[in-house]
PDB file of N, CA and C in Angstrom:
ATOM      1  N   UNK A   1     -22.650  16.155 -65.463  1.00  0.00           N
ATOM      2  CA  UNK A   1     -23.666  15.151 -65.264  1.00  0.00           C
ATOM      3  C   UNK A   1     -24.762  15.768 -64.399  1.00  0.00           C
ATOM      4  N   UNK A   2     -25.997  15.470 -64.756  1.00  0.00           N
ATOM      5  CA  UNK A   2     -27.157  15.973 -64.028  1.00  0.00           C
ATOM      6  C   UNK A   2     -27.931  14.800 -63.421  1.00  0.00           C
ATOM      7  N   UNK A   3     -28.263  14.931 -62.158  1.00  0.00           N
ATOM      8  CA  UNK A   3     -29.190  14.018 -61.497  1.00  0.00           C
ATOM      9  C   UNK A   3     -30.512  14.764 -61.446  1.00  0.00           C
ATOM     10  N   UNK A   4     -31.479  14.284 -62.199  1.00  0.00           N
ATOM     11  CA  UNK A   4     -32.760  14.976 -62.363  1.00  0.00           C
ATOM     12  C   UNK A   4     -33.839  14.279 -61.550  1.00  0.00           C
ATOM     13  N   UNK A   5     -34.585  15.067 -60.789  1.00  0.00           N
ATOM     14  CA  UNK A   5     -35.712  14.551 -60.016  1.00  0.00           C
ATOM     15  C   UNK A   5     -36.952  15.294 -60.482  1.00  0.00           C
ATOM     16  N   UNK A   6     -37.915  14.568 -61.049  1.00  0.00           N
ATOM     17  CA  UNK A   6     -39.172  15.147 -61.523  1.00  0.00           C
ATOM     18  C   UNK A   6     -40.263  14.801 -60.524  1.00  0.00           C
ATOM     19  N   UNK A   7     -40.991  15.829 -60.083  1.00  0.00           N
ATOM     20  CA  UNK A   7     -41.947  15.658 -58.994  1.00  0.00           C
ATOM     21  C   UNK A   7     -43.301  16.209 -59.399  1.00  0.00           C
ATOM     22  N   UNK A   8     -44.339  15.396 -59.240  1.00  0.00           N
ATOM     23  CA  UNK A   8     -45.730  15.829 -59.388  1.00  0.00           C
ATOM     24  C   UNK A   8     -46.285  16.007 -57.979  1.00  0.00           C
ATOM     25  N   UNK A   9     -46.784  17.206 -57.685  1.00  0.00           N
ATOM     26  CA  UNK A   9     -47.201  17.569 -56.331  1.00  0.00           C
ATOM     27  C   UNK A   9     -48.673  17.945 -56.350  1.00  0.00           C
ATOM     28  N   UNK A  10     -49.448  17.383 -55.439  1.00  0.00           N
ATOM     29  CA  UNK A  10     -50.853  17.766 -55.329  1.00  0.00           C
ATOM     30  C   UNK A  10     -50.931  19.272 -55.092  1.00  0.00           C
ATOM     31  N   UNK A  11     -51.832  19.927 -55.806  1.00  0.00           N
ATOM     32  CA  UNK A  11     -51.943  21.384 -55.739  1.00  0.00           C
ATOM     33  C   UNK A  11     -52.228  21.871 -54.318  1.00  0.00           C
ATOM     34  N   UNK A  12     -52.952  21.082 -53.525  1.00  0.00           N
ATOM     35  CA  UNK A  12     -53.322  21.535 -52.181  1.00  0.00           C
ATOM     36  C   UNK A  12     -52.146  21.599 -51.207  1.00  0.00           C
ATOM     37  N   UNK A  13     -51.017  20.968 -51.526  1.00  0.00           N
ATOM     38  CA  UNK A  13     -49.826  21.050 -50.665  1.00  0.00           C
ATOM     39  C   UNK A  13     -48.628  21.678 -51.391  1.00  0.00           C
ATOM     40  N   UNK A  14     -48.847  22.175 -52.588  1.00  0.00           N
ATOM     41  CA  UNK A  14     -47.734  22.648 -53.411  1.00  0.00           C
ATOM     42  C   UNK A  14     -46.874  23.692 -52.703  1.00  0.00           C
ATOM     43  N   UNK A  15     -47.481  24.727 -52.145  1.00  0.00           N
ATOM     44  CA  UNK A  15     -46.704  25.799 -51.523  1.00  0.00           C
ATOM     45  C   UNK A  15     -45.840  25.275 -50.374  1.00  0.00           C
ATOM     46  N   UNK A  16     -46.425  24.435 -49.517  1.00  0.00           N
ATOM     47  CA  UNK A  16     -45.670  23.863 -48.402  1.00  0.00           C
ATOM     48  C   UNK A  16     -44.569  22.939 -48.915  1.00  0.00           C
ATOM     49  N   UNK A  17     -44.871  22.187 -49.958  1.00  0.00           N
ATOM     50  CA  UNK A  17     -43.866  21.266 -50.504  1.00  0.00           C
ATOM     51  C   UNK A  17     -42.673  22.037 -51.050  1.00  0.00           C
ATOM     52  N   UNK A  18     -42.921  23.120 -51.765  1.00  0.00           N
ATOM     53  CA  UNK A  18     -41.822  23.888 -52.355  1.00  0.00           C
ATOM     54  C   UNK A  18     -40.959  24.530 -51.273  1.00  0.00           C
ATOM     55  N   UNK A  19     -41.567  24.999 -50.189  1.00  0.00           N
ATOM     56  CA  UNK A  19     -40.784  25.525 -49.072  1.00  0.00           C
ATOM     57  C   UNK A  19     -39.860  24.425 -48.541  1.00  0.00           C
ATOM     58  N   UNK A  20     -40.433  23.234 -48.324  1.00  0.00           N
ATOM     59  CA  UNK A  20     -39.630  22.104 -47.867  1.00  0.00           C
ATOM     60  C   UNK A  20     -38.553  21.749 -48.900  1.00  0.00           C
ATOM     61  N   UNK A  21     -38.920  21.724 -50.180  1.00  0.00           N
ATOM     62  CA  UNK A  21     -38.000  21.313 -51.242  1.00  0.00           C
ATOM     63  C   UNK A  21     -36.782  22.229 -51.309  1.00  0.00           C
ATOM     64  N   UNK A  22     -36.976  23.513 -51.148  1.00  0.00           N
ATOM     65  CA  UNK A  22     -35.843  24.444 -51.195  1.00  0.00           C
ATOM     66  C   UNK A  22     -34.859  24.157 -50.059  1.00  0.00           C
ATOM     67  N   UNK A  23     -35.379  23.844 -48.888  1.00  0.00           N
ATOM     68  CA  UNK A  23     -34.508  23.470 -47.766  1.00  0.00           C
ATOM     69  C   UNK A  23     -33.804  22.150 -48.079  1.00  0.00           C
ATOM     70  N   UNK A  24     -34.552  21.212 -48.647  1.00  0.00           N
ATOM     71  CA  UNK A  24     -33.997  19.911 -49.014  1.00  0.00           C
ATOM     72  C   UNK A  24     -32.862  20.079 -50.030  1.00  0.00           C
ATOM     73  N   UNK A  25     -33.053  20.941 -50.998  1.00  0.00           N
ATOM     74  CA  UNK A  25     -32.011  21.194 -51.997  1.00  0.00           C
ATOM     75  C   UNK A  25     -30.743  21.727 -51.318  1.00  0.00           C
ATOM     76  N   UNK A  26     -30.905  22.607 -50.346  1.00  0.00           N
ATOM     77  CA  UNK A  26     -29.751  23.127 -49.600  1.00  0.00           C
ATOM     78  C   UNK A  26     -29.044  22.009 -48.847  1.00  0.00           C
ATOM     79  N   UNK A  27     -29.826  21.111 -48.261  1.00  0.00           N
ATOM     80  CA  UNK A  27     -29.234  19.957 -47.571  1.00  0.00           C
ATOM     81  C   UNK A  27     -28.464  19.074 -48.550  1.00  0.00           C
ATOM     82  N   UNK A  28     -29.037  18.870 -49.724  1.00  0.00           N
ATOM     83  CA  UNK A  28     -28.352  18.066 -50.736  1.00  0.00           C
ATOM     84  C   UNK A  28     -27.016  18.703 -51.115  1.00  0.00           C
ATOM     85  N   UNK A  29     -27.006  20.030 -51.250  1.00  0.00           N
ATOM     86  CA  UNK A  29     -25.764  20.712 -51.619  1.00  0.00           C
ATOM     87  C   UNK A  29     -24.735  20.709 -50.489  1.00  0.00           C
ATOM     88  N   UNK A  30     -25.194  20.503 -49.272  1.00  0.00           N
ATOM     89  CA  UNK A  30     -24.238  20.422 -48.163  1.00  0.00           C
ATOM     90  C   UNK A  30     -23.477  19.099 -48.176  1.00  0.00           C
ATOM     91  N   UNK A  31     -23.999  18.123 -48.920  1.00  0.00           N
ATOM     92  CA  UNK A  31     -23.287  16.859 -49.090  1.00  0.00           C
ATOM     93  C   UNK A  31     -22.151  17.069 -50.084  1.00  0.00           C
ATOM     94  N   UNK A  32     -21.168  16.234 -50.039  1.00  0.00           N
ATOM     95  CA  UNK A  32     -19.985  16.410 -50.882  1.00  0.00           C
ATOM     96  C   UNK A  32     -20.189  16.006 -52.339  1.00  0.00           C
ATOM     97  N   UNK A  33     -21.364  15.504 -52.689  1.00  0.00           N
ATOM     98  CA  UNK A  33     -21.566  14.896 -53.998  1.00  0.00           C
ATOM     99  C   UNK A  33     -22.062  15.869 -55.068  1.00  0.00           C
ATOM    100  N   UNK A  34     -22.702  16.957 -54.647  1.00  0.00           N
ATOM    101  CA  UNK A  34     -23.378  17.851 -55.583  1.00  0.00           C
ATOM    102  C   UNK A  34     -22.721  19.221 -55.611  1.00  0.00           C
ATOM    103  N   UNK A  35     -22.675  19.811 -56.805  1.00  0.00           N
ATOM    104  CA  UNK A  35     -22.024  21.102 -56.997  1.00  0.00           C
ATOM    105  C   UNK A  35     -23.009  22.262 -57.111  1.00  0.00           C
ATOM    106  N   UNK A  36     -24.214  21.993 -57.612  1.00  0.00           N
ATOM    107  CA  UNK A  36     -25.220  23.035 -57.808  1.00  0.00           C
ATOM    108  C   UNK A  36     -26.585  22.366 -57.926  1.00  0.00           C
ATOM    109  N   UNK A  37     -27.631  23.168 -57.722  1.00  0.00           N
ATOM    110  CA  UNK A  37     -28.997  22.657 -57.871  1.00  0.00           C
ATOM    111  C   UNK A  37     -29.881  23.765 -58.422  1.00  0.00           C
ATOM    112  N   UNK A  38     -30.785  23.388 -59.312  1.00  0.00           N
ATOM    113  CA  UNK A  38     -31.719  24.335 -59.913  1.00  0.00           C
ATOM    114  C   UNK A  38     -33.112  23.734 -59.885  1.00  0.00           C
ATOM    115  N   UNK A  39     -34.083  24.530 -59.449  1.00  0.00           N
ATOM    116  CA  UNK A  39     -35.482  24.111 -59.413  1.00  0.00           C
ATOM    117  C   UNK A  39     -36.206  24.740 -60.592  1.00  0.00           C
ATOM    118  N   UNK A  40     -36.892  23.910 -61.384  1.00  0.00           N
ATOM    119  CA  UNK A  40     -37.672  24.365 -62.533  1.00  0.00           C
ATOM    120  C   UNK A  40     -39.140  24.045 -62.296  1.00  0.00           C
ATOM    121  N   UNK A  41     -40.001  24.953 -62.698  1.00  0.00           N
ATOM    122  CA  UNK A  41     -41.441  24.699 -62.690  1.00  0.00           C
ATOM    123  C   UNK A  41     -41.835  24.230 -64.086  1.00  0.00           C
ATOM    124  N   UNK A  42     -42.500  23.098 -64.181  1.00  0.00           N
ATOM    125  CA  UNK A  42     -42.995  22.598 -65.460  1.00  0.00           C
ATOM    126  C   UNK A  42     -44.246  23.404 -65.789  1.00  0.00           C
ATOM    127  N   UNK A  43     -44.340  23.923 -66.993  1.00  0.00           N
ATOM    128  CA  UNK A  43     -45.396  24.882 -67.320  1.00  0.00           C
ATOM    129  C   UNK A  43     -46.795  24.292 -67.428  1.00  0.00           C
ATOM    130  N   UNK A  44     -46.924  23.010 -67.641  1.00  0.00           N
ATOM    131  CA  UNK A  44     -48.255  22.416 -67.789  1.00  0.00           C
ATOM    132  C   UNK A  44     -48.656  21.689 -66.513  1.00  0.00           C
ATOM    133  N   UNK A  45     -49.723  22.170 -65.848  1.00  0.00           N
ATOM    134  CA  UNK A  45     -50.281  21.452 -64.715  1.00  0.00           C
ATOM    135  C   UNK A  45     -51.151  20.328 -65.271  1.00  0.00           C
ATOM    136  N   UNK A  46     -51.447  19.333 -64.453  1.00  0.00           N
ATOM    137  CA  UNK A  46     -52.226  18.207 -64.958  1.00  0.00           C
ATOM    138  C   UNK A  46     -53.209  17.715 -63.910  1.00  0.00           C
ATOM    139  N   UNK A  47     -54.153  16.914 -64.376  1.00  0.00           N
ATOM    140  CA  UNK A  47     -55.092  16.251 -63.478  1.00  0.00           C
ATOM    141  C   UNK A  47     -54.625  14.820 -63.281  1.00  0.00           C
ATOM    142  N   UNK A  48     -54.607  14.387 -62.028  1.00  0.00           N
ATOM    143  CA  UNK A  48     -54.238  13.010 -61.733  1.00  0.00           C
ATOM    144  C   UNK A  48     -55.387  12.073 -62.006  1.00  0.00           C
ATOM    145  N   UNK A  49     -55.142  10.777 -61.836  1.00  0.00           N
ATOM    146  CA  UNK A  49     -56.183   9.768 -62.056  1.00  0.00           C
ATOM    147  C   UNK A  49     -57.373   9.987 -61.132  1.00  0.00           C
ATOM    148  N   UNK A  50     -57.139  10.577 -59.960  1.00  0.00           N
ATOM    149  CA  UNK A  50     -58.214  10.820 -59.003  1.00  0.00           C
ATOM    150  C   UNK A  50     -58.936  12.147 -59.266  1.00  0.00           C
ATOM    151  N   UNK A  51     -58.556  12.846 -60.338  1.00  0.00           N
ATOM    152  CA  UNK A  51     -59.186  14.111 -60.689  1.00  0.00           C
ATOM    153  C   UNK A  51     -58.595  15.316 -59.990  1.00  0.00           C
ATOM    154  N   UNK A  52     -57.625  15.115 -59.126  1.00  0.00           N
ATOM    155  CA  UNK A  52     -56.992  16.230 -58.424  1.00  0.00           C
ATOM    156  C   UNK A  52     -55.935  16.870 -59.317  1.00  0.00           C
ATOM    157  N   UNK A  53     -55.835  18.183 -59.201  1.00  0.00           N
ATOM    158  CA  UNK A  53     -54.837  18.923 -59.967  1.00  0.00           C
ATOM    159  C   UNK A  53     -53.466  18.753 -59.322  1.00  0.00           C
ATOM    160  N   UNK A  54     -52.466  18.510 -60.157  1.00  0.00           N
ATOM    161  CA  UNK A  54     -51.102  18.439 -59.650  1.00  0.00           C
ATOM    162  C   UNK A  54     -50.238  19.445 -60.396  1.00  0.00           C
ATOM    163  N   UNK A  55     -49.184  19.862 -59.728  1.00  0.00           N
ATOM    164  CA  UNK A  55     -48.237  20.816 -60.278  1.00  0.00           C
ATOM    165  C   UNK A  55     -46.891  20.109 -60.319  1.00  0.00           C
ATOM    166  N   UNK A  56     -46.190  20.237 -61.433  1.00  0.00           N
ATOM    167  CA  UNK A  56     -44.940  19.513 -61.610  1.00  0.00           C
ATOM    168  C   UNK A  56     -43.739  20.444 -61.546  1.00  0.00           C
ATOM    169  N   UNK A  57     -42.674  19.932 -60.931  1.00  0.00           N
ATOM    170  CA  UNK A  57     -41.402  20.625 -60.895  1.00  0.00           C
ATOM    171  C   UNK A  57     -40.307  19.633 -61.270  1.00  0.00           C
ATOM    172  N   UNK A  58     -39.168  20.175 -61.637  1.00  0.00           N
ATOM    173  CA  UNK A  58     -38.005  19.358 -61.947  1.00  0.00           C
ATOM    174  C   UNK A  58     -36.798  19.984 -61.260  1.00  0.00           C
ATOM    175  N   UNK A  59     -36.044  19.160 -60.536  1.00  0.00           N
ATOM    176  CA  UNK A  59     -34.835  19.630 -59.875  1.00  0.00           C
ATOM    177  C   UNK A  59     -33.645  19.001 -60.581  1.00  0.00           C
ATOM    178  N   UNK A  60     -32.688  19.835 -60.955  1.00  0.00           N
ATOM    179  CA  UNK A  60     -31.454  19.362 -61.576  1.00  0.00           C
ATOM    180  C   UNK A  60     -30.305  19.589 -60.606  1.00  0.00           C
ATOM    181  N   UNK A  61     -29.679  18.496 -60.215  1.00  0.00           N
ATOM    182  CA  UNK A  61     -28.488  18.558 -59.364  1.00  0.00           C
ATOM    183  C   UNK A  61     -27.268  18.311 -60.236  1.00  0.00           C
ATOM    184  N   UNK A  62     -26.318  19.221 -60.207  1.00  0.00           N
ATOM    185  CA  UNK A  62     -25.066  19.052 -60.946  1.00  0.00           C
ATOM    186  C   UNK A  62     -24.155  18.160 -60.122  1.00  0.00           C
ATOM    187  N   UNK A  63     -23.658  17.098 -60.761  1.00  0.00           N
ATOM    188  CA  UNK A  63     -22.810  16.116 -60.100  1.00  0.00           C
ATOM    189  C   UNK A  63     -21.452  16.104 -60.798  1.00  0.00           C
ATOM    190  N   UNK A  64     -20.384  16.022 -60.022  1.00  0.00           N
ATOM    191  CA  UNK A  64     -19.034  16.049 -60.601  1.00  0.00           C
ATOM    192  C   UNK A  64     -18.715  14.782 -61.374  1.00  0.00           C
ATOM    193  N   UNK A  65     -19.203  13.640 -60.915  1.00  0.00           N
ATOM    194  CA  UNK A  65     -18.843  12.383 -61.563  1.00  0.00           C
ATOM    195  C   UNK A  65     -19.861  11.300 -61.238  1.00  0.00           C
ATOM    196  N   UNK A  66     -19.841  10.256 -62.026  1.00  0.00           N
ATOM    197  CA  UNK A  66     -20.705   9.108 -61.763  1.00  0.00           C
ATOM    198  C   UNK A  66     -20.350   8.476 -60.419  1.00  0.00           C
ATOM    199  N   UNK A  67     -19.074   8.460 -60.085  1.00  0.00           N
ATOM    200  CA  UNK A  67     -18.630   7.893 -58.810  1.00  0.00           C
ATOM    201  C   UNK A  67     -19.249   8.643 -57.623  1.00  0.00           C
ATOM    202  N   UNK A  68     -19.265   9.959 -57.705  1.00  0.00           N
ATOM    203  CA  UNK A  68     -19.882  10.761 -56.641  1.00  0.00           C
ATOM    204  C   UNK A  68     -21.371  10.444 -56.526  1.00  0.00           C
ATOM    205  N   UNK A  69     -22.043  10.310 -57.661  1.00  0.00           N
ATOM    206  CA  UNK A  69     -23.462   9.997 -57.638  1.00  0.00           C
ATOM    207  C   UNK A  69     -23.711   8.614 -57.028  1.00  0.00           C
ATOM    208  N   UNK A  70     -22.893   7.655 -57.374  1.00  0.00           N
ATOM    209  CA  UNK A  70     -23.024   6.309 -56.800  1.00  0.00           C
ATOM    210  C   UNK A  70     -22.798   6.337 -55.292  1.00  0.00           C
ATOM    211  N   UNK A  71     -21.867   7.156 -54.833  1.00  0.00           N
ATOM    212  CA  UNK A  71     -21.642   7.292 -53.389  1.00  0.00           C
ATOM    213  C   UNK A  71     -22.873   7.874 -52.705  1.00  0.00           C
ATOM    214  N   UNK A  72     -23.493   8.866 -53.354  1.00  0.00           N
ATOM    215  CA  UNK A  72     -24.734   9.431 -52.811  1.00  0.00           C
ATOM    216  C   UNK A  72     -25.802   8.346 -52.715  1.00  0.00           C
ATOM    217  N   UNK A  73     -26.016   7.588 -53.795  1.00  0.00           N
ATOM    218  CA  UNK A  73     -27.021   6.530 -53.782  1.00  0.00           C
ATOM    219  C   UNK A  73     -26.766   5.547 -52.645  1.00  0.00           C
ATOM    220  N   UNK A  74     -25.526   5.181 -52.453  1.00  0.00           N
ATOM    221  CA  UNK A  74     -25.145   4.190 -51.453  1.00  0.00           C
ATOM    222  C   UNK A  74     -25.277   4.720 -50.025  1.00  0.00           C
ATOM    223  N   UNK A  75     -24.893   5.969 -49.810  1.00  0.00           N
ATOM    224  CA  UNK A  75     -24.773   6.491 -48.444  1.00  0.00           C
ATOM    225  C   UNK A  75     -25.898   7.405 -47.962  1.00  0.00           C
ATOM    226  N   UNK A  76     -26.621   8.056 -48.870  1.00  0.00           N
ATOM    227  CA  UNK A  76     -27.558   9.092 -48.430  1.00  0.00           C
ATOM    228  C   UNK A  76     -28.939   9.068 -49.084  1.00  0.00           C
ATOM    229  N   UNK A  77     -29.104   8.429 -50.207  1.00  0.00           N
ATOM    230  CA  UNK A  77     -30.353   8.559 -50.969  1.00  0.00           C
ATOM    231  C   UNK A  77     -31.580   8.126 -50.168  1.00  0.00           C
ATOM    232  N   UNK A  78     -31.509   6.992 -49.529  1.00  0.00           N
ATOM    233  CA  UNK A  78     -32.694   6.475 -48.832  1.00  0.00           C
ATOM    234  C   UNK A  78     -33.199   7.426 -47.740  1.00  0.00           C
ATOM    235  N   UNK A  79     -32.348   7.892 -46.827  1.00  0.00           N
ATOM    236  CA  UNK A  79     -32.876   8.821 -45.815  1.00  0.00           C
ATOM    237  C   UNK A  79     -33.313  10.165 -46.396  1.00  0.00           C
ATOM    238  N   UNK A  80     -32.637  10.640 -47.429  1.00  0.00           N
ATOM    239  CA  UNK A  80     -33.042  11.910 -48.028  1.00  0.00           C
ATOM    240  C   UNK A  80     -34.421  11.788 -48.681  1.00  0.00           C
ATOM    241  N   UNK A  81     -34.677  10.671 -49.324  1.00  0.00           N
ATOM    242  CA  UNK A  81     -35.978  10.448 -49.966  1.00  0.00           C
ATOM    243  C   UNK A  81     -37.076  10.228 -48.931  1.00  0.00           C
ATOM    244  N   UNK A  82     -36.771   9.531 -47.849  1.00  0.00           N
ATOM    245  CA  UNK A  82     -37.796   9.195 -46.862  1.00  0.00           C
ATOM    246  C   UNK A  82     -38.319  10.428 -46.134  1.00  0.00           C
ATOM    247  N   UNK A  83     -37.515  11.481 -46.060  1.00  0.00           N
ATOM    248  CA  UNK A  83     -37.952  12.704 -45.399  1.00  0.00           C
ATOM    249  C   UNK A  83     -39.201  13.278 -46.073  1.00  0.00           C
ATOM    250  N   UNK A  84     -39.234  13.298 -47.396  1.00  0.00           N
ATOM    251  CA  UNK A  84     -40.407  13.809 -48.122  1.00  0.00           C
ATOM    252  C   UNK A  84     -41.620  12.922 -47.882  1.00  0.00           C
ATOM    253  N   UNK A  85     -41.406  11.615 -47.862  1.00  0.00           N
ATOM    254  CA  UNK A  85     -42.518  10.683 -47.649  1.00  0.00           C
ATOM    255  C   UNK A  85     -43.106  10.875 -46.257  1.00  0.00           C
ATOM    256  N   UNK A  86     -42.259  11.061 -45.250  1.00  0.00           N
ATOM    257  CA  UNK A  86     -42.738  11.300 -43.884  1.00  0.00           C
ATOM    258  C   UNK A  86     -43.567  12.570 -43.794  1.00  0.00           C
ATOM    259  N   UNK A  87     -43.163  13.605 -44.519  1.00  0.00           N
ATOM    260  CA  UNK A  87     -43.846  14.889 -44.431  1.00  0.00           C
ATOM    261  C   UNK A  87     -45.084  14.992 -45.322  1.00  0.00           C
ATOM    262  N   UNK A  88     -45.051  14.355 -46.496  1.00  0.00           N
ATOM    263  CA  UNK A  88     -46.115  14.576 -47.475  1.00  0.00           C
ATOM    264  C   UNK A  88     -46.835  13.307 -47.924  1.00  0.00           C
ATOM    265  N   UNK A  89     -46.410  12.160 -47.456  1.00  0.00           N
ATOM    266  CA  UNK A  89     -47.103  10.915 -47.764  1.00  0.00           C
ATOM    267  C   UNK A  89     -47.315  10.698 -49.250  1.00  0.00           C
ATOM    268  N   UNK A  90     -48.568  10.526 -49.629  1.00  0.00           N
ATOM    269  CA  UNK A  90     -48.924  10.242 -51.023  1.00  0.00           C
ATOM    270  C   UNK A  90     -49.313  11.501 -51.800  1.00  0.00           C
ATOM    271  N   UNK A  91     -48.995  12.667 -51.266  1.00  0.00           N
ATOM    272  CA  UNK A  91     -49.362  13.934 -51.914  1.00  0.00           C
ATOM    273  C   UNK A  91     -48.404  14.329 -53.035  1.00  0.00           C
ATOM    274  N   UNK A  92     -47.450  13.459 -53.356  1.00  0.00           N
ATOM    275  CA  UNK A  92     -46.517  13.724 -54.437  1.00  0.00           C
ATOM    276  C   UNK A  92     -46.024  12.389 -55.004  1.00  0.00           C
ATOM    277  N   UNK A  93     -45.464  12.457 -56.194  1.00  0.00           N
ATOM    278  CA  UNK A  93     -44.759  11.302 -56.761  1.00  0.00           C
ATOM    279  C   UNK A  93     -43.502  11.833 -57.443  1.00  0.00           C
ATOM    280  N   UNK A  94     -42.455  11.011 -57.432  1.00  0.00           N
ATOM    281  CA  UNK A  94     -41.180  11.453 -57.994  1.00  0.00           C
ATOM    282  C   UNK A  94     -40.593  10.372 -58.887  1.00  0.00           C
ATOM    283  N   UNK A  95     -39.985  10.817 -59.961  1.00  0.00           N
ATOM    284  CA  UNK A  95     -39.186   9.944 -60.815  1.00  0.00           C
ATOM    285  C   UNK A  95     -37.803  10.569 -60.938  1.00  0.00           C
ATOM    286  N   UNK A  96     -36.837   9.720 -61.178  1.00  0.00           N
ATOM    287  CA  UNK A  96     -35.458  10.201 -61.233  1.00  0.00           C
ATOM    288  C   UNK A  96     -34.757   9.640 -62.451  1.00  0.00           C
ATOM    289  N   UNK A  97     -33.794  10.413 -62.959  1.00  0.00           N
ATOM    290  CA  UNK A  97     -32.955   9.915 -64.042  1.00  0.00           C
ATOM    291  C   UNK A  97     -31.633  10.668 -64.032  1.00  0.00           C
ATOM    292  N   UNK A  98     -30.656  10.082 -64.704  1.00  0.00           N
ATOM    293  CA  UNK A  98     -29.329  10.665 -64.793  1.00  0.00           C
ATOM    294  C   UNK A  98     -29.106  11.103 -66.232  1.00  0.00           C
ATOM    295  N   UNK A  99     -28.669  12.352 -66.396  1.00  0.00           N
ATOM    296  CA  UNK A  99     -28.387  12.906 -67.717  1.00  0.00           C
ATOM    297  C   UNK A  99     -26.895  13.101 -67.853  1.00  0.00           C
ATOM    298  N   UNK A 100     -26.338  12.544 -68.902  1.00  0.00           N
ATOM    299  CA  UNK A 100     -24.915  12.697 -69.185  1.00  0.00           C
ATOM    300  C   UNK A 100     -24.771  13.554 -70.435  1.00  0.00           C
ATOM    301  N   UNK A 101     -23.985  14.602 -70.337  1.00  0.00           N
ATOM    302  CA  UNK A 101     -23.831  15.509 -71.478  1.00  0.00           C
ATOM    303  C   UNK A 101     -23.178  14.786 -72.645  1.00  0.00           C
ATOM    304  N   UNK A 102     -23.806  14.955 -73.795  1.00  0.00           N
ATOM    305  CA  UNK A 102     -23.319  14.329 -75.016  1.00  0.00           C
ATOM    306  C   UNK A 102     -22.759  15.374 -75.976  1.00  0.00           C
ATOM    307  N   UNK A 103     -23.396  16.551 -76.007  1.00  0.00           N
ATOM    308  CA  UNK A 103     -23.014  17.592 -76.963  1.00  0.00           C
ATOM    309  C   UNK A 103     -23.537  18.917 -76.438  1.00  0.00           C
ATOM    310  N   UNK A 104     -22.791  19.976 -76.627  1.00  0.00           N
ATOM    311  CA  UNK A 104     -23.204  21.284 -76.146  1.00  0.00           C
ATOM    312  C   UNK A 104     -22.758  22.371 -77.119  1.00  0.00           C
ATOM    313  N   UNK A 105     -23.571  23.388 -77.273  1.00  0.00           N
ATOM    314  CA  UNK A 105     -23.225  24.563 -78.062  1.00  0.00           C
ATOM    315  C   UNK A 105     -23.359  25.781 -77.180  1.00  0.00           C
ATOM    316  N   UNK A 106     -22.559  26.801 -77.466  1.00  0.00           N
ATOM    317  CA  UNK A 106     -22.675  28.078 -76.811  1.00  0.00           C
ATOM    318  C   UNK A 106     -22.307  28.037 -75.398  1.00  0.00           C
TER     319      UNK A 106
END
């Protein structure tokens, strides 16, 4: 199971955000709920409604079970999310979704 976080980051804070994000990913892995984490850069940058360029990334956290993910949501999600808001305010936006493996080859 993958817990996916997709983030659009204002280009003017991108480098600082990614430094913070890598530390954040390590903190997430120190919790008992996650087994691995991978950061992906989305290849297409975009312009926001305000005309500012944003850069998108996607973080995939490997989760052992739905129960573990629910425990994370209940016990840790709010403070972990608020840390980014405190540091970067409105300079980013994030969406989240859960991916459950249905079929795999190779």
